[in-house]
Amino acid sequence: MIDTYFNSICVFCYDGTLIKSWKTFEIKPGKFSYLCEITIYQGVIFVNDSRNRRIQAFTRNGRFILKKKM
């Protein structure tokens, strides 16, 4: 789940227990300015970081993989 107010990504168990979260507010790769969409495909988390005008990809553990400018 993304929280646009706090610029964070939260991962939950099916029972609602919080497993992990990460949040930042910066321009650097792996950081966020305004999250508006999230997609998970084959274990990779893709995040639309709209104010930075890019899509970023992360592992399930939150490790930054790559960014693509929009």
PDB file of N, CA and C in Angstrom:
ATOM      1  N   MET A   1       0.849  -1.161   0.000  1.00  0.00           N
ATOM      2  CA  MET A   1       0.000   0.000   0.000  1.00  0.00           C
ATOM      3  C   MET A   1       0.898   1.228   0.000  1.00  0.00           C
ATOM      4  N   ILE A   2       0.441   2.306  -0.670  1.00  0.00           N
ATOM      5  CA  ILE A   2       1.172   3.569  -0.588  1.00  0.00           C
ATOM      6  C   ILE A   2       0.380   4.560   0.250  1.00  0.00           C
ATOM      7  N   ASP A   3       1.099   5.382   0.961  1.00  0.00           N
ATOM      8  CA  ASP A   3       0.506   6.447   1.758  1.00  0.00           C
ATOM      9  C   ASP A   3       1.024   7.751   1.170  1.00  0.00           C
ATOM     10  N   THR A   4       0.176   8.418   0.379  1.00  0.00           N
ATOM     11  CA  THR A   4       0.612   9.628  -0.310  1.00  0.00           C
ATOM     12  C   THR A   4       0.874  10.787   0.648  1.00  0.00           C
ATOM     13  N   TYR A   5       0.210  10.806   1.777  1.00  0.00           N
ATOM     14  CA  TYR A   5       0.408  11.901   2.734  1.00  0.00           C
ATOM     15  C   TYR A   5       1.799  11.839   3.361  1.00  0.00           C
ATOM     16  N   PHE A   6       2.254  10.630   3.721  1.00  0.00           N
ATOM     17  CA  PHE A   6       3.555  10.464   4.361  1.00  0.00           C
ATOM     18  C   PHE A   6       4.638   9.980   3.394  1.00  0.00           C
ATOM     19  N   ASN A   7       4.313   9.864   2.084  1.00  0.00           N
ATOM     20  CA  ASN A   7       5.273   9.390   1.080  1.00  0.00           C
ATOM     21  C   ASN A   7       5.924   8.087   1.517  1.00  0.00           C
ATOM     22  N   SER A   8       5.099   7.101   1.852  1.00  0.00           N
ATOM     23  CA  SER A   8       5.642   5.836   2.323  1.00  0.00           C
ATOM     24  C   SER A   8       4.985   4.653   1.625  1.00  0.00           C
ATOM     25  N   ILE A   9       5.681   3.541   1.648  1.00  0.00           N
ATOM     26  CA  ILE A   9       5.176   2.273   1.153  1.00  0.00           C
ATOM     27  C   ILE A   9       5.089   1.348   2.352  1.00  0.00           C
ATOM     28  N   CYS A  10       3.953   0.693   2.524  1.00  0.00           N
ATOM     29  CA  CYS A  10       3.732  -0.221   3.639  1.00  0.00           C
ATOM     30  C   CYS A  10       3.391  -1.601   3.097  1.00  0.00           C
ATOM     31  N   VAL A  11       3.970  -2.630   3.701  1.00  0.00           N
ATOM     32  CA  VAL A  11       3.715  -4.015   3.312  1.00  0.00           C
ATOM     33  C   VAL A  11       3.034  -4.702   4.490  1.00  0.00           C
ATOM     34  N   PHE A  12       1.897  -5.338   4.216  1.00  0.00           N
ATOM     35  CA  PHE A  12       1.105  -5.994   5.251  1.00  0.00           C
ATOM     36  C   PHE A  12       0.951  -7.482   4.968  1.00  0.00           C
ATOM     37  N   CYS A  13       0.752  -8.277   6.042  1.00  0.00           N
ATOM     38  CA  CYS A  13       0.335  -9.673   5.912  1.00  0.00           C
ATOM     39  C   CYS A  13      -1.142  -9.681   5.531  1.00  0.00           C
ATOM     40  N   TYR A  14      -1.638 -10.835   5.141  1.00  0.00           N
ATOM     41  CA  TYR A  14      -3.056 -10.956   4.808  1.00  0.00           C
ATOM     42  C   TYR A  14      -3.954 -10.681   6.006  1.00  0.00           C
ATOM     43  N   ASP A  15      -3.436 -10.879   7.224  1.00  0.00           N
ATOM     44  CA  ASP A  15      -4.243 -10.616   8.417  1.00  0.00           C
ATOM     45  C   ASP A  15      -4.191  -9.149   8.853  1.00  0.00           C
ATOM     46  N   GLY A  16      -3.459  -8.297   8.113  1.00  0.00           N
ATOM     47  CA  GLY A  16      -3.400  -6.872   8.405  1.00  0.00           C
ATOM     48  C   GLY A  16      -2.201  -6.428   9.222  1.00  0.00           C
ATOM     49  N   THR A  17      -1.335  -7.361   9.599  1.00  0.00           N
ATOM     50  CA  THR A  17      -0.146  -7.029  10.370  1.00  0.00           C
ATOM     51  C   THR A  17       0.890  -6.343   9.468  1.00  0.00           C
ATOM     52  N   LEU A  18       1.420  -5.221   9.947  1.00  0.00           N
ATOM     53  CA  LEU A  18       2.450  -4.498   9.203  1.00  0.00           C
ATOM     54  C   LEU A  18       3.753  -5.293   9.235  1.00  0.00           C
ATOM     55  N   ILE A  19       4.295  -5.585   8.052  1.00  0.00           N
ATOM     56  CA  ILE A  19       5.553  -6.321   7.945  1.00  0.00           C
ATOM     57  C   ILE A  19       6.727  -5.361   7.821  1.00  0.00           C
ATOM     58  N   LYS A  20       6.586  -4.373   6.942  1.00  0.00           N
ATOM     59  CA  LYS A  20       7.690  -3.457   6.644  1.00  0.00           C
ATOM     60  C   LYS A  20       7.117  -2.175   6.074  1.00  0.00           C
ATOM     61  N   SER A  21       7.841  -1.092   6.282  1.00  0.00           N
ATOM     62  CA  SER A  21       7.485   0.169   5.622  1.00  0.00           C
ATOM     63  C   SER A  21       8.769   0.946   5.366  1.00  0.00           C
ATOM     64  N   TRP A  22       8.732   1.739   4.316  1.00  0.00           N
ATOM     65  CA  TRP A  22       9.846   2.645   4.069  1.00  0.00           C
ATOM     66  C   TRP A  22       9.298   3.938   3.515  1.00  0.00           C
ATOM     67  N   LYS A  23       9.934   5.043   3.933  1.00  0.00           N
ATOM     68  CA  LYS A  23       9.466   6.353   3.499  1.00  0.00           C
ATOM     69  C   LYS A  23      10.615   7.343   3.464  1.00  0.00           C
ATOM     70  N   THR A  24      10.522   8.249   2.525  1.00  0.00           N
ATOM     71  CA  THR A  24      11.486   9.333   2.399  1.00  0.00           C
ATOM     72  C   THR A  24      10.830  10.439   1.592  1.00  0.00           C
ATOM     73  N   PHE A  25      11.410  11.591   1.601  1.00  0.00           N
ATOM     74  CA  PHE A  25      10.915  12.706   0.805  1.00  0.00           C
ATOM     75  C   PHE A  25      12.122  13.433   0.241  1.00  0.00           C
ATOM     76  N   GLU A  26      12.620  12.948  -0.901  1.00  0.00           N
ATOM     77  CA  GLU A  26      13.794  13.534  -1.541  1.00  0.00           C
ATOM     78  C   GLU A  26      13.718  13.332  -3.042  1.00  0.00           C
ATOM     79  N   ILE A  27      14.697  13.886  -3.741  1.00  0.00           N
ATOM     80  CA  ILE A  27      14.776  13.760  -5.193  1.00  0.00           C
ATOM     81  C   ILE A  27      15.681  12.600  -5.598  1.00  0.00           C
ATOM     82  N   LYS A  28      16.582  12.167  -4.749  1.00  0.00           N
ATOM     83  CA  LYS A  28      17.553  11.123  -5.081  1.00  0.00           C
ATOM     84  C   LYS A  28      16.864   9.828  -5.512  1.00  0.00           C
ATOM     85  N   PRO A  29      17.541   9.012  -6.335  1.00  0.00           N
ATOM     86  CA  PRO A  29      16.983   7.701  -6.695  1.00  0.00           C
ATOM     87  C   PRO A  29      16.705   6.870  -5.451  1.00  0.00           C
ATOM     88  N   GLY A  30      15.568   6.189  -5.462  1.00  0.00           N
ATOM     89  CA  GLY A  30      15.167   5.389  -4.314  1.00  0.00           C
ATOM     90  C   GLY A  30      14.386   6.168  -3.280  1.00  0.00           C
ATOM     91  N   LYS A  31      14.259   7.468  -3.469  1.00  0.00           N
ATOM     92  CA  LYS A  31      13.508   8.340  -2.566  1.00  0.00           C
ATOM     93  C   LYS A  31      12.258   8.812  -3.292  1.00  0.00           C
ATOM     94  N   PHE A  32      11.294   9.351  -2.561  1.00  0.00           N
ATOM     95  CA  PHE A  32      10.025   9.741  -3.143  1.00  0.00           C
ATOM     96  C   PHE A  32       9.705  11.208  -2.909  1.00  0.00           C
ATOM     97  N   SER A  33       8.909  11.770  -3.808  1.00  0.00           N
ATOM     98  CA  SER A  33       8.384  13.112  -3.603  1.00  0.00           C
ATOM     99  C   SER A  33       6.867  13.079  -3.495  1.00  0.00           C
ATOM    100  N   TYR A  34       6.196  12.336  -4.347  1.00  0.00           N
ATOM    101  CA  TYR A  34       4.746  12.188  -4.233  1.00  0.00           C
ATOM    102  C   TYR A  34       4.341  10.883  -4.891  1.00  0.00           C
ATOM    103  N   LEU A  35       4.016   9.901  -4.070  1.00  0.00           N
ATOM    104  CA  LEU A  35       3.619   8.593  -4.574  1.00  0.00           C
ATOM    105  C   LEU A  35       2.150   8.626  -4.974  1.00  0.00           C
ATOM    106  N   CYS A  36       1.844   8.122  -6.158  1.00  0.00           N
ATOM    107  CA  CYS A  36       0.441   8.120  -6.553  1.00  0.00           C
ATOM    108  C   CYS A  36      -0.048   6.778  -7.065  1.00  0.00           C
ATOM    109  N   GLU A  37       0.843   5.854  -7.413  1.00  0.00           N
ATOM    110  CA  GLU A  37       0.438   4.532  -7.876  1.00  0.00           C
ATOM    111  C   GLU A  37       1.502   3.509  -7.520  1.00  0.00           C
ATOM    112  N   ILE A  38       1.060   2.274  -7.350  1.00  0.00           N
ATOM    113  CA  ILE A  38       1.989   1.180  -7.083  1.00  0.00           C
ATOM    114  C   ILE A  38       1.500  -0.050  -7.848  1.00  0.00           C
ATOM    115  N   THR A  39       2.446  -0.796  -8.411  1.00  0.00           N
ATOM    116  CA  THR A  39       2.142  -2.041  -9.119  1.00  0.00           C
ATOM    117  C   THR A  39       3.205  -3.054  -8.737  1.00  0.00           C
ATOM    118  N   ILE A  40       2.790  -4.281  -8.522  1.00  0.00           N
ATOM    119  CA  ILE A  40       3.737  -5.346  -8.224  1.00  0.00           C
ATOM    120  C   ILE A  40       3.653  -6.366  -9.352  1.00  0.00           C
ATOM    121  N   TYR A  41       4.790  -6.637  -9.970  1.00  0.00           N
ATOM    122  CA  TYR A  41       4.852  -7.577 -11.087  1.00  0.00           C
ATOM    123  C   TYR A  41       6.056  -8.475 -10.909  1.00  0.00           C
ATOM    124  N   GLN A  42       5.816  -9.771 -10.845  1.00  0.00           N
ATOM    125  CA  GLN A  42       6.855 -10.782 -10.677  1.00  0.00           C
ATOM    126  C   GLN A  42       7.810 -10.444  -9.525  1.00  0.00           C
ATOM    127  N   GLY A  43       7.249  -9.995  -8.414  1.00  0.00           N
ATOM    128  CA  GLY A  43       8.033  -9.718  -7.228  1.00  0.00           C
ATOM    129  C   GLY A  43       8.739  -8.377  -7.210  1.00  0.00           C
ATOM    130  N   VAL A  44       8.590  -7.579  -8.265  1.00  0.00           N
ATOM    131  CA  VAL A  44       9.211  -6.248  -8.323  1.00  0.00           C
ATOM    132  C   VAL A  44       8.120  -5.207  -8.054  1.00  0.00           C
ATOM    133  N   ILE A  45       8.413  -4.250  -7.195  1.00  0.00           N
ATOM    134  CA  ILE A  45       7.471  -3.196  -6.842  1.00  0.00           C
ATOM    135  C   ILE A  45       7.786  -1.955  -7.674  1.00  0.00           C
ATOM    136  N   PHE A  46       6.821  -1.536  -8.481  1.00  0.00           N
ATOM    137  CA  PHE A  46       6.961  -0.343  -9.314  1.00  0.00           C
ATOM    138  C   PHE A  46       6.141   0.781  -8.694  1.00  0.00           C
ATOM    139  N   VAL A  47       6.772   1.937  -8.507  1.00  0.00           N
ATOM    140  CA  VAL A  47       6.133   3.065  -7.846  1.00  0.00           C
ATOM    141  C   VAL A  47       6.157   4.271  -8.768  1.00  0.00           C
ATOM    142  N   ASN A  48       4.997   4.907  -8.955  1.00  0.00           N
ATOM    143  CA  ASN A  48       4.906   6.146  -9.723  1.00  0.00           C
ATOM    144  C   ASN A  48       5.187   7.295  -8.765  1.00  0.00           C
ATOM    145  N   ASP A  49       6.337   7.912  -8.914  1.00  0.00           N
ATOM    146  CA  ASP A  49       6.790   9.037  -8.085  1.00  0.00           C
ATOM    147  C   ASP A  49       6.528  10.298  -8.903  1.00  0.00           C
ATOM    148  N   SER A  50       5.307  10.808  -8.821  1.00  0.00           N
ATOM    149  CA  SER A  50       4.843  11.808  -9.793  1.00  0.00           C
ATOM    150  C   SER A  50       5.541  13.163  -9.733  1.00  0.00           C
ATOM    151  N   ARG A  51       5.856  13.669  -8.556  1.00  0.00           N
ATOM    152  CA  ARG A  51       6.519  14.987  -8.507  1.00  0.00           C
ATOM    153  C   ARG A  51       7.937  14.931  -9.040  1.00  0.00           C
ATOM    154  N   ASN A  52       8.575  13.788  -8.901  1.00  0.00           N
ATOM    155  CA  ASN A  52       9.911  13.608  -9.469  1.00  0.00           C
ATOM    156  C   ASN A  52       9.832  13.136 -10.919  1.00  0.00           C
ATOM    157  N   ARG A  53       8.615  12.943 -11.415  1.00  0.00           N
ATOM    158  CA  ARG A  53       8.344  12.556 -12.803  1.00  0.00           C
ATOM    159  C   ARG A  53       9.131  11.314 -13.207  1.00  0.00           C
ATOM    160  N   ARG A  54       8.950  10.241 -12.424  1.00  0.00           N
ATOM    161  CA  ARG A  54       9.650   9.004 -12.714  1.00  0.00           C
ATOM    162  C   ARG A  54       8.891   7.813 -12.121  1.00  0.00           C
ATOM    163  N   ILE A  55       9.238   6.652 -12.635  1.00  0.00           N
ATOM    164  CA  ILE A  55       8.786   5.393 -12.072  1.00  0.00           C
ATOM    165  C   ILE A  55      10.026   4.727 -11.505  1.00  0.00           C
ATOM    166  N   GLN A  56       9.903   4.223 -10.281  1.00  0.00           N
ATOM    167  CA  GLN A  56      11.026   3.561  -9.638  1.00  0.00           C
ATOM    168  C   GLN A  56      10.669   2.106  -9.360  1.00  0.00           C
ATOM    169  N   ALA A  57      11.660   1.246  -9.350  1.00  0.00           N
ATOM    170  CA  ALA A  57      11.453  -0.174  -9.082  1.00  0.00           C
ATOM    171  C   ALA A  57      12.258  -0.586  -7.851  1.00  0.00           C
ATOM    172  N   PHE A  58      11.645  -1.462  -7.047  1.00  0.00           N
ATOM    173  CA  PHE A  58      12.242  -1.924  -5.794  1.00  0.00           C
ATOM    174  C   PHE A  58      12.040  -3.423  -5.641  1.00  0.00           C
ATOM    175  N   THR A  59      12.905  -4.052  -4.863  1.00  0.00           N
ATOM    176  CA  THR A  59      12.690  -5.452  -4.487  1.00  0.00           C
ATOM    177  C   THR A  59      11.612  -5.484  -3.409  1.00  0.00           C
ATOM    178  N   ARG A  60      11.198  -6.672  -3.047  1.00  0.00           N
ATOM    179  CA  ARG A  60      10.206  -6.829  -1.965  1.00  0.00           C
ATOM    180  C   ARG A  60      10.726  -6.302  -0.638  1.00  0.00           C
ATOM    181  N   ASN A  61      12.036  -6.279  -0.477  1.00  0.00           N
ATOM    182  CA  ASN A  61      12.644  -5.791   0.766  1.00  0.00           C
ATOM    183  C   ASN A  61      12.884  -4.289   0.759  1.00  0.00           C
ATOM    184  N   GLY A  62      12.513  -3.614  -0.335  1.00  0.00           N
ATOM    185  CA  GLY A  62      12.677  -2.169  -0.400  1.00  0.00           C
ATOM    186  C   GLY A  62      13.983  -1.699  -0.995  1.00  0.00           C
ATOM    187  N   ARG A  63      14.792  -2.609  -1.528  1.00  0.00           N
ATOM    188  CA  ARG A  63      16.065  -2.221  -2.137  1.00  0.00           C
ATOM    189  C   ARG A  63      15.785  -1.608  -3.515  1.00  0.00           C
ATOM    190  N   PHE A  64      16.335  -0.433  -3.747  1.00  0.00           N
ATOM    191  CA  PHE A  64      16.166   0.276  -5.013  1.00  0.00           C
ATOM    192  C   PHE A  64      16.823  -0.502  -6.149  1.00  0.00           C
ATOM    193  N   ILE A  65      16.098  -0.637  -7.283  1.00  0.00           N
ATOM    194  CA  ILE A  65      16.627  -1.338  -8.443  1.00  0.00           C
ATOM    195  C   ILE A  65      16.936  -0.352  -9.563  1.00  0.00           C
ATOM    196  N   LEU A  66      15.924   0.424  -9.969  1.00  0.00           N
ATOM    197  CA  LEU A  66      16.132   1.350 -11.075  1.00  0.00           C
ATOM    198  C   LEU A  66      15.059   2.434 -11.088  1.00  0.00           C
ATOM    199  N   LYS A  67      15.312   3.461 -11.907  1.00  0.00           N
ATOM    200  CA  LYS A  67      14.329   4.525 -12.113  1.00  0.00           C
ATOM    201  C   LYS A  67      14.198   4.782 -13.609  1.00  0.00           C
ATOM    202  N   LYS A  68      13.054   5.260 -14.015  1.00  0.00           N
ATOM    203  CA  LYS A  68      12.797   5.605 -15.415  1.00  0.00           C
ATOM    204  C   LYS A  68      12.057   6.933 -15.417  1.00  0.00           C
ATOM    205  N   LYS A  69      12.657   7.940 -16.070  1.00  0.00           N
ATOM    206  CA  LYS A  69      12.021   9.258 -16.169  1.00  0.00           C
ATOM    207  C   LYS A  69      10.788   9.175 -17.052  1.00  0.00           C
ATOM    208  N   MET A  70       9.773   9.949 -16.701  1.00  0.00           N
ATOM    209  CA  MET A  70       8.545  10.003 -17.502  1.00  0.00           C
ATOM    210  C   MET A  70       8.545  11.240 -18.351  1.00  0.00           C
TER     211      MET A  70
END
